[in-house]
Protein backbone atom coordinates (compact mmCIF):
# COMPACT_ATOMS: atom_id res chain seq x y z
CA MET A 1 94.93 137.19 28.39
CA PRO A 2 95.63 133.94 26.51
CA ILE A 3 98.46 131.72 27.68
CA PHE A 4 101.47 131.68 25.33
CA ASP A 5 102.10 128.19 23.97
CA ILE A 6 105.59 127.66 22.55
CA ASN A 7 104.48 124.38 20.98
CA ASN A 8 101.95 126.19 18.78
CA LEU A 9 104.57 128.72 17.74
CA LEU A 10 107.05 125.95 16.90
CA LEU A 11 104.38 124.19 14.82
CA ASP A 12 103.57 127.49 13.10
CA GLY A 13 107.27 127.88 12.32
CA VAL A 14 107.51 124.42 10.78
CA MET A 15 104.31 124.84 8.78
CA SER A 16 105.53 128.24 7.51
CA SER A 17 108.99 126.88 6.60
CA ALA A 18 110.54 129.44 8.94
CA SER A 19 114.28 129.29 9.44
CA ASP A 20 114.11 131.00 12.85
CA ILE A 21 111.64 131.80 15.59
CA HIS A 22 112.21 135.02 17.53
CA ILE A 23 110.64 135.61 20.92
CA CYS A 24 111.29 138.47 23.30
CA ALA A 25 109.38 139.72 26.34
CA GLY A 26 107.30 142.75 25.41
CA ALA A 27 107.09 141.92 21.70
CA LYS A 28 104.94 139.71 19.49
CA PRO A 29 106.66 136.51 18.37
CA ALA A 30 108.18 136.56 14.90
CA LEU A 31 109.21 133.99 12.30
CA ARG A 32 112.02 134.42 9.78
CA ILE A 33 110.50 133.34 6.48
CA ASN A 34 112.59 133.60 3.30
CA GLY A 35 114.98 135.92 5.11
CA THR A 36 112.28 138.33 6.29
CA LEU A 37 111.28 138.70 9.94
CA VAL A 38 107.48 138.47 10.10
CA ARG A 39 105.64 139.30 13.34
CA ARG A 40 102.66 137.06 14.05
CA PRO A 41 99.72 139.50 13.79
CA TYR A 42 97.31 137.28 15.76
CA ALA A 43 99.68 136.90 18.72
CA GLU A 44 99.75 138.88 21.93
CA PRO A 45 103.07 140.37 23.09
CA ILE A 46 105.06 137.86 25.13
CA THR A 47 105.28 138.56 28.86
CA LYS A 48 108.25 137.95 31.16
CA GLU A 49 106.27 135.07 32.71
CA ASP A 50 105.76 133.59 29.22
CA MET A 51 109.52 133.76 28.65
CA ASP A 52 110.20 132.05 31.98
CA ASN A 53 107.80 129.26 30.98
CA VAL A 54 109.42 128.92 27.55
CA ILE A 55 112.89 128.68 29.09
CA ASN A 56 111.70 126.03 31.53
CA THR A 57 109.91 124.06 28.79
CA LEU A 58 112.85 124.16 26.38
CA SER A 59 115.37 123.43 29.12
CA LEU A 60 113.58 120.11 29.64
CA ARG A 61 114.24 119.39 25.96
CA ASN A 62 117.93 120.28 26.07
CA SER A 63 118.86 116.81 24.88
CA LEU A 64 117.73 118.01 21.43
CA GLN A 65 120.25 120.88 21.41
CA GLY A 66 122.07 120.81 18.09
CA SER A 67 120.44 117.61 16.92
CA THR A 68 117.90 116.95 14.21
CA LYS A 69 114.56 115.27 14.68
CA ARG A 70 112.33 114.84 11.62
CA GLY A 71 114.56 117.20 9.68
CA VAL A 72 114.15 120.09 12.13
CA ARG A 73 117.25 121.59 13.74
CA PHE A 74 116.77 122.89 17.25
CA GLN A 75 119.00 125.46 18.89
CA LEU A 76 118.26 127.68 21.87
CA GLN A 77 120.06 130.97 22.38
CA LEU A 78 119.21 133.03 25.42
CA LEU A 79 120.04 136.71 25.23
CA GLN A 80 119.44 139.19 28.00
CA ARG A 81 118.42 142.71 27.10
CA SER A 82 119.90 145.49 29.19
């Protein structure tokens, strides 16, 4: 199984002019493009381990929270499913 790379998904989001990136364990990642949520057909469903890695990676970048770099706004919201 390929390793999920959040950096590739973020780049895909920028290149697709996505307003949001949605990731959830057990589902394929999705981008919100022109108001429509579009699942990435080439992607594998994200595992719990992938999510743990994403949280750790993005936590290291928390100094970007709410700021803009190169015109891209970054915000991280963590929601727990019951």
